């Protein structure tokens, strides 16, 4: 669950050029295609193999692109609505090493999705509906493959929220025996995720290759960054007890606060002031949905990372691949590790702009 979708690249080598001859899997599908390069306008040939929701695309140049869901891979490509623990992620990474004979230290991450599924006492669709903004970006409904979600798009990353139960409800799948089955999904499952379309923030945490995903400390930092984004959301709490409010707040302010256009039209300082007033009111006169979900997200971080017995991976040549624990968050009141103090804080990794060298006059 900490890691779902990935897109990664393995540079050309003799092993990539013979990739499809070396792997031992029986592909779910294997085909050769010509695709248009959006940069050059050239047609490029590639061989595409699909296995357990992962797509392996080998170009004539020898570049190998891997994309798809590691979470679905662990479920034979069927779904990603259960708990994908750290131990299960380790199993997937080991499987990729052994089945596809890939050196994960050489597989560079291009995009990655960090997210959590939580089972909530509230309707997941209601939580999604209550989300208005992330920082200054409106949360807009979008629909892909008959699934509806809300998204806030920034330059280097995007925030996505949706009802995971609704996403799978009524959608059949075909099992390994070719028999159609229905998903056995129970409860209200809310999905919150951060898609890193630029790897700047995660590179700053030491996550650069697939091999870095073995490090539970780095994953913890990535998940803490995800939780910080939840804290940056503006949420209108529908559980507010209107009978406890003044007539003005009940008749005027609630109508304004529930309207995303109202927030979007405010200046930055005015928005900040109104946000404080609303949140104080919600704190004392509602169930405080934002805090409850935040607590569940934090608890889920502990749950998915609790299985940390695997310290290193041993390859077929009996060479150990060590896990770097210098990034692990310290318990208690101690601060984040050295890598974070180097970059001031996690949030600055998302916001930091590249330095522009000025020419001497």
Protein backbone atom coordinates (compact mmCIF):
# COMPACT_ATOMS: atom_id res chain seq x y z
CA UNK A 1 0.00 0.00 0.00
CA UNK A 2 2.78 2.55 0.58
CA UNK A 3 3.76 2.18 -3.08
CA UNK A 4 1.33 1.48 -5.91
CA UNK A 5 1.89 2.72 -9.46
CA UNK A 6 5.46 3.08 -10.73
CA UNK A 7 7.12 4.00 -13.99
CA UNK A 8 10.80 3.17 -14.21
CA UNK A 9 13.61 2.93 -16.77
CA UNK A 10 16.47 0.51 -17.26
CA UNK A 11 19.17 1.87 -19.59
CA UNK A 12 20.35 -0.13 -22.64
CA UNK A 13 22.67 -3.07 -22.04
CA UNK A 14 23.19 -6.56 -23.40
CA UNK A 15 20.78 -7.88 -20.76
CA UNK A 16 17.96 -5.49 -21.74
CA UNK A 17 18.33 -6.34 -25.43
CA UNK A 18 17.77 -10.03 -24.66
CA UNK A 19 15.23 -9.32 -21.91
CA UNK A 20 12.25 -11.22 -23.34
CA UNK A 21 14.40 -14.27 -24.08
CA UNK A 22 15.78 -14.39 -20.52
CA UNK A 23 12.65 -14.08 -18.41
CA UNK A 24 10.99 -17.24 -17.19
CA UNK A 25 7.37 -16.06 -16.94
CA UNK A 26 4.55 -16.95 -19.24
CA UNK A 27 3.37 -13.52 -20.34
CA UNK A 28 -0.28 -12.54 -19.96
CA UNK A 29 0.22 -10.89 -23.36
CA UNK A 30 3.18 -10.25 -25.65
CA UNK A 31 3.10 -8.05 -28.74
CA UNK A 32 5.19 -5.79 -30.93
CA UNK A 33 4.02 -2.27 -31.72
CA UNK A 34 5.07 0.93 -33.42
CA UNK A 35 4.51 4.03 -31.30
CA UNK A 36 4.85 7.72 -32.13
CA UNK A 37 7.54 9.58 -30.18
CA UNK A 38 5.87 12.80 -28.98
CA UNK A 39 9.23 14.63 -28.92
CA UNK A 40 10.66 13.69 -32.31
CA UNK A 41 7.55 12.61 -34.24
CA UNK A 42 9.33 9.37 -35.18
CA UNK A 43 7.77 5.92 -35.16
CA UNK A 44 9.59 3.70 -32.69
CA UNK A 45 9.26 -0.04 -32.46
CA UNK A 46 8.84 -1.70 -29.11
CA UNK A 47 8.05 -5.13 -27.72
CA UNK A 48 5.46 -5.11 -24.95
CA UNK A 49 5.02 -7.83 -22.38
CA UNK A 50 2.33 -7.73 -19.70
CA UNK A 51 2.40 -9.72 -16.49
CA UNK A 52 0.29 -9.22 -13.34
CA UNK A 53 -0.61 -5.62 -14.30
CA UNK A 54 3.02 -4.65 -14.96
CA UNK A 55 3.94 -3.64 -18.51
CA UNK A 56 7.49 -4.16 -19.79
CA UNK A 57 8.24 -2.15 -22.94
CA UNK A 58 11.55 -2.86 -24.70
CA UNK A 59 12.52 -0.30 -27.36
CA UNK A 60 14.86 -0.93 -30.28
CA UNK A 61 17.44 1.25 -28.53
CA UNK A 62 17.59 -1.27 -25.68
CA UNK A 63 15.78 0.96 -23.17
CA UNK A 64 13.37 -1.00 -20.98
CA UNK A 65 10.39 0.86 -19.44
CA UNK A 66 8.44 -0.78 -16.60
CA UNK A 67 5.11 0.64 -15.52
CA UNK A 68 2.10 -0.52 -13.56
CA UNK A 69 0.94 -1.28 -10.04
CA UNK A 70 3.22 -3.15 -7.63
CA UNK A 71 0.20 -3.56 -5.35
CA UNK A 72 -1.84 -5.24 -8.09
CA UNK A 73 1.21 -7.35 -9.00
CA UNK A 74 1.10 -8.85 -5.50
CA UNK A 75 -2.58 -9.77 -6.14
CA UNK A 76 -1.94 -11.40 -9.54
CA UNK A 77 -2.93 -8.17 -11.30
CA UNK A 78 -6.52 -8.28 -10.01
CA UNK A 79 -6.96 -5.47 -7.46
CA UNK A 80 -5.29 -3.05 -5.06
CA UNK A 81 -7.90 -2.45 -2.37
CA UNK A 82 -6.42 -4.54 0.44
CA UNK A 83 -3.51 -3.72 2.77
CA UNK A 84 -0.20 -3.76 0.89
CA UNK A 85 2.32 -4.02 3.69
CA UNK A 86 6.06 -3.40 3.65
CA UNK A 87 6.66 -7.16 3.79
CA UNK A 88 4.48 -7.71 0.71
CA UNK A 89 6.37 -4.95 -1.12
CA UNK A 90 9.65 -6.74 -0.27
CA UNK A 91 8.18 -9.95 -1.73
CA UNK A 92 7.30 -8.15 -4.97
CA UNK A 93 10.78 -6.63 -5.28
CA UNK A 94 12.40 -10.01 -4.65
CA UNK A 95 10.11 -11.55 -7.26
CA UNK A 96 11.09 -8.93 -9.84
CA UNK A 97 14.76 -9.69 -9.19
CA UNK A 98 14.37 -13.43 -9.48
CA UNK A 99 11.74 -13.83 -12.22
CA UNK A 100 12.94 -11.04 -14.51
CA UNK A 101 16.65 -11.17 -13.59
CA UNK A 102 16.75 -7.39 -13.12
CA UNK A 103 19.30 -5.45 -11.08
CA UNK A 104 16.93 -3.12 -9.20
CA UNK A 105 19.77 -0.72 -8.37
CA UNK A 106 19.91 0.13 -12.07
CA UNK A 107 16.14 0.63 -12.49
CA UNK A 108 15.61 4.41 -12.23
CA UNK A 109 12.21 5.57 -10.98
CA UNK A 110 10.55 8.14 -13.28
CA UNK A 111 7.12 8.37 -11.58
CA UNK A 112 5.79 6.82 -8.41
CA UNK A 113 2.53 6.84 -6.50
CA UNK A 114 2.56 6.80 -2.70
CA UNK A 115 -0.85 6.17 -1.15
CA UNK A 116 -2.93 4.62 1.62
CA UNK A 117 -6.29 2.86 1.80
CA UNK A 118 -8.23 3.27 5.03
CA UNK A 119 -11.52 1.71 6.10
CA UNK A 120 -13.69 4.47 7.51
CA UNK A 121 -16.90 4.67 9.52
CA UNK A 122 -18.06 7.44 7.17
CA UNK A 123 -19.06 7.10 3.53
CA UNK A 124 -15.86 7.39 1.52
CA UNK A 125 -17.68 9.30 -1.23
CA UNK A 126 -18.78 11.87 1.38
CA UNK A 127 -15.18 12.43 2.47
CA UNK A 128 -14.18 12.98 -1.17
CA UNK A 129 -17.06 15.42 -1.65
CA UNK A 130 -16.00 17.45 1.42
CA UNK A 131 -12.50 18.15 0.06
CA UNK A 132 -12.41 21.63 -1.50
CA UNK A 133 -8.79 22.70 -2.02
CA UNK A 134 -5.22 21.55 -1.62
CA UNK A 135 -3.21 24.67 -0.82
CA UNK A 136 -4.38 27.06 -3.55
CA UNK A 137 -5.51 24.37 -6.02
CA UNK A 138 -9.19 23.47 -6.42
CA UNK A 139 -10.06 19.81 -5.94
CA UNK A 140 -11.81 18.90 -9.19
CA UNK A 141 -13.86 15.83 -10.01
CA UNK A 142 -12.52 13.73 -12.88
CA UNK A 143 -13.61 10.44 -14.37
CA UNK A 144 -11.51 7.66 -15.94
CA UNK A 145 -12.84 4.21 -16.88
CA UNK A 146 -16.20 4.94 -15.22
CA UNK A 147 -14.47 5.75 -11.93
CA UNK A 148 -14.86 9.17 -10.35
CA UNK A 149 -12.26 10.85 -8.18
CA UNK A 150 -11.04 14.27 -7.07
CA UNK A 151 -7.62 15.57 -8.00
CA UNK A 152 -5.45 18.61 -7.29
CA UNK A 153 -2.63 19.03 -9.79
CA UNK A 154 0.63 20.80 -8.98
CA UNK A 155 3.74 21.17 -11.11
CA UNK A 156 5.71 18.30 -9.57
CA UNK A 157 3.01 16.17 -8.03
CA UNK A 158 -0.72 15.57 -7.83
CA UNK A 159 -3.07 14.70 -4.96
CA UNK A 160 -5.88 12.24 -5.63
CA UNK A 161 -8.80 11.14 -3.42
CA UNK A 162 -11.52 8.63 -4.19
CA UNK A 163 -13.92 5.96 -2.97
CA UNK A 164 -12.00 2.70 -3.47
CA UNK A 165 -15.09 0.58 -2.73
CA UNK A 166 -17.05 2.32 -5.47
CA UNK A 167 -14.06 1.94 -7.79
CA UNK A 168 -14.38 -1.87 -7.73
CA UNK A 169 -18.05 -2.39 -6.92
CA UNK A 170 -19.85 -4.29 -9.67
CA UNK A 171 -16.69 -4.76 -11.75
CA UNK A 172 -16.05 -8.46 -12.45
CA UNK A 173 -12.65 -10.02 -13.04
CA UNK A 174 -11.46 -13.30 -14.54
CA UNK A 175 -9.56 -15.60 -12.18
CA UNK A 176 -6.62 -17.87 -13.06
CA UNK A 177 -9.03 -20.61 -14.17
CA UNK A 178 -10.82 -18.30 -16.59
CA UNK A 179 -13.92 -18.02 -14.40
CA UNK A 180 -15.59 -14.62 -13.91
CA UNK A 181 -15.72 -13.52 -10.29
CA UNK A 182 -16.98 -10.52 -8.32
CA UNK A 183 -14.72 -8.53 -6.03
CA UNK A 184 -15.31 -9.36 -2.36
CA UNK A 185 -14.82 -5.86 -1.01
CA UNK A 186 -16.40 -4.84 2.28
CA UNK A 187 -16.80 -1.56 4.15
CA UNK A 188 -16.11 2.00 3.13
CA UNK A 189 -12.55 2.24 1.77
CA UNK A 190 -11.15 5.73 1.23
CA UNK A 191 -8.04 6.15 -0.92
CA UNK A 192 -5.61 9.06 -0.52
CA UNK A 193 -2.52 9.21 -2.72
CA UNK A 194 0.29 11.45 -3.93
CA UNK A 195 1.52 10.94 -7.48
CA UNK A 196 5.09 12.16 -8.00
CA UNK A 197 5.34 13.01 -11.69
CA UNK A 198 8.68 14.67 -10.87
CA UNK A 199 10.98 12.73 -8.56
CA UNK A 200 12.69 15.78 -7.00
CA UNK A 201 11.08 15.43 -3.55
CA UNK A 202 11.60 11.67 -3.28
CA UNK A 203 15.13 11.86 -4.69
CA UNK A 204 15.79 14.23 -1.79
CA UNK A 205 14.66 11.45 0.56
CA UNK A 206 17.02 8.98 -1.12
CA UNK A 207 14.37 7.23 -3.25
CA UNK A 208 15.84 7.06 -6.76
CA UNK A 209 15.72 3.41 -7.85
CA UNK A 210 13.51 0.38 -7.29
CA UNK A 211 16.19 -0.94 -4.94
CA UNK A 212 15.62 2.06 -2.63
CA UNK A 213 12.11 0.76 -1.91
CA UNK A 214 13.69 -1.95 0.27
CA UNK A 215 14.44 0.77 2.82
CA UNK A 216 11.56 1.05 5.30
CA UNK A 217 13.00 4.29 6.68
CA UNK A 218 12.80 6.02 3.30
CA UNK A 219 9.26 4.71 2.83
CA UNK A 220 8.30 6.12 6.22
CA UNK A 221 9.50 9.56 5.16
CA UNK A 222 7.58 9.32 1.88
CA UNK A 223 4.44 8.37 3.80
CA UNK A 224 4.96 11.21 6.26
CA UNK A 225 5.10 13.55 3.27
CA UNK A 226 1.78 12.07 2.11
CA UNK A 227 0.21 12.73 5.53
CA UNK A 228 1.45 16.32 5.43
CA UNK A 229 -0.50 16.78 2.20
CA UNK A 230 -3.68 15.67 3.97
CA UNK A 231 -3.04 18.39 6.52
CA UNK A 232 -2.79 20.92 3.66
CA UNK A 233 -6.32 20.15 2.43
CA UNK A 234 -9.22 22.48 3.00
CA UNK A 235 -12.22 20.37 4.07
CA UNK A 236 -15.79 21.40 4.76
CA UNK A 237 -16.97 19.17 7.60
CA UNK A 238 -20.55 18.08 6.86
CA UNK A 239 -20.99 16.79 10.44
CA UNK A 240 -21.11 20.31 11.84
CA UNK A 241 -23.91 20.78 14.36
CA UNK A 242 -25.75 23.76 12.91
CA UNK A 243 -28.05 24.16 15.92
CA UNK A 244 -25.02 25.16 18.02
CA UNK A 245 -24.04 28.06 15.71
CA UNK A 246 -25.13 31.67 15.61
CA UNK A 247 -27.75 32.65 13.06
CA UNK A 248 -25.13 34.49 10.99
CA UNK A 249 -22.71 31.56 10.88
CA UNK A 250 -25.54 29.16 10.16
CA UNK A 251 -27.13 31.24 7.42
CA UNK A 252 -24.18 33.01 5.78
CA UNK A 253 -20.80 31.52 6.63
CA UNK A 254 -21.70 27.85 6.13
CA UNK A 255 -22.98 28.62 2.64
CA UNK A 256 -19.75 30.42 1.84
CA UNK A 257 -17.41 27.86 3.40
CA UNK A 258 -19.03 24.92 1.58
CA UNK A 259 -18.49 26.64 -1.78
CA UNK A 260 -15.03 26.02 -3.36
CA UNK A 261 -15.48 29.05 -5.65
CA UNK A 262 -15.75 31.28 -2.57
CA UNK A 263 -12.36 30.04 -1.31
CA UNK A 264 -10.77 30.26 -4.72
CA UNK A 265 -11.74 33.94 -5.08
CA UNK A 266 -10.24 35.00 -1.75
CA UNK A 267 -6.80 36.56 -1.46
CA UNK A 268 -4.15 34.40 0.20
CA UNK A 269 -4.27 36.31 3.50
CA UNK A 270 -8.08 36.45 3.60
CA UNK A 271 -8.27 32.75 2.80
CA UNK A 272 -5.90 31.99 5.66
CA UNK A 273 -7.99 34.02 8.11
CA UNK A 274 -11.27 32.43 7.02
CA UNK A 275 -9.70 28.98 7.19
CA UNK A 276 -8.68 29.54 10.83
CA UNK A 277 -12.18 30.76 11.76
CA UNK A 278 -13.85 27.80 10.05
CA UNK A 279 -11.48 25.19 11.49
CA UNK A 280 -11.92 26.54 15.02
CA UNK A 281 -15.69 26.31 14.59
CA UNK A 282 -15.42 22.77 13.19
CA UNK A 283 -13.15 21.73 16.03
CA UNK A 284 -15.77 22.44 18.70
CA UNK A 285 -19.01 21.88 16.77
CA UNK A 286 -18.45 18.82 14.57
CA UNK A 287 -17.00 15.31 14.62
CA UNK A 288 -13.80 16.78 13.13
CA UNK A 289 -13.57 14.52 10.08
CA UNK A 290 -10.20 15.90 9.02
CA UNK A 291 -8.56 14.98 12.32
CA UNK A 292 -10.20 11.54 12.42
CA UNK A 293 -8.98 10.69 8.91
CA UNK A 294 -5.49 12.04 9.69
CA UNK A 295 -5.28 9.79 12.74
CA UNK A 296 -6.33 6.82 10.61
CA UNK A 297 -3.72 7.63 7.97
CA UNK A 298 -1.00 7.84 10.64
CA UNK A 299 -2.13 4.55 12.14
CA UNK A 300 -2.09 2.91 8.71
CA UNK A 301 1.50 4.08 8.22
CA UNK A 302 2.41 2.16 11.38
CA UNK A 303 0.42 -0.87 10.23
CA UNK A 304 1.97 -1.19 6.78
CA UNK A 305 5.51 -0.66 8.06
CA UNK A 306 5.33 -2.86 11.16
CA UNK A 307 6.72 -5.91 9.36
CA UNK A 308 10.34 -4.79 9.07
CA UNK A 309 12.13 -8.05 9.78
CA UNK A 310 13.73 -8.17 6.32
CA UNK A 311 17.08 -6.43 6.64
CA UNK A 312 18.74 -7.29 3.36
CA UNK A 313 18.21 -9.11 0.10
CA UNK A 314 20.67 -11.83 -0.91
CA UNK A 315 21.02 -12.33 -4.64
CA UNK A 316 21.79 -15.56 -6.50
CA UNK A 317 25.53 -14.94 -6.10
CA UNK A 318 25.09 -14.68 -2.32
CA UNK A 319 25.92 -10.98 -2.38
CA UNK A 320 23.93 -9.06 0.21
CA UNK A 321 22.20 -5.82 -0.66
CA UNK A 322 22.18 -3.75 2.57
CA UNK A 323 19.24 -1.69 3.72
CA UNK A 324 20.20 1.88 4.61
CA UNK A 325 18.65 2.74 7.97
CA UNK A 326 20.04 6.27 8.26
CA UNK A 327 16.69 7.64 7.08
CA UNK A 328 14.48 6.02 9.73
CA UNK A 329 12.45 8.45 11.83
CA UNK A 330 13.38 8.42 15.49
CA UNK A 331 10.71 7.76 18.08
CA UNK A 332 9.61 10.09 20.82
CA UNK A 333 10.39 13.79 20.69
CA UNK A 334 13.53 13.48 18.59
CA UNK A 335 13.63 15.22 15.22
CA UNK A 336 13.86 13.75 11.74
CA UNK A 337 17.14 12.23 10.59
CA UNK A 338 20.08 14.09 9.09
CA UNK A 339 18.88 13.95 5.52
CA UNK A 340 15.79 15.94 6.46
CA UNK A 341 17.68 18.61 8.37
CA UNK A 342 19.84 18.99 5.27
CA UNK A 343 16.73 19.90 3.27
CA UNK A 344 15.09 21.88 6.13
CA UNK A 345 11.90 19.76 6.14
CA UNK A 346 9.97 17.33 4.00
CA UNK A 347 7.56 19.92 2.67
CA UNK A 348 10.44 22.03 1.34
CA UNK A 349 11.41 19.13 -0.91
CA UNK A 350 8.14 19.53 -2.75
CA UNK A 351 8.27 23.31 -2.91
CA UNK A 352 11.97 23.92 -3.45
CA UNK A 353 12.78 25.48 -6.81
CA UNK A 354 15.94 24.58 -8.72
CA UNK A 355 18.78 27.03 -8.25
CA UNK A 356 19.50 29.28 -11.22
CA UNK A 357 23.14 30.23 -11.60
CA UNK A 358 23.54 33.87 -12.51
CA UNK A 359 26.17 34.86 -15.02
CA UNK A 360 28.80 37.30 -13.86
CA UNK A 361 28.26 40.72 -15.39
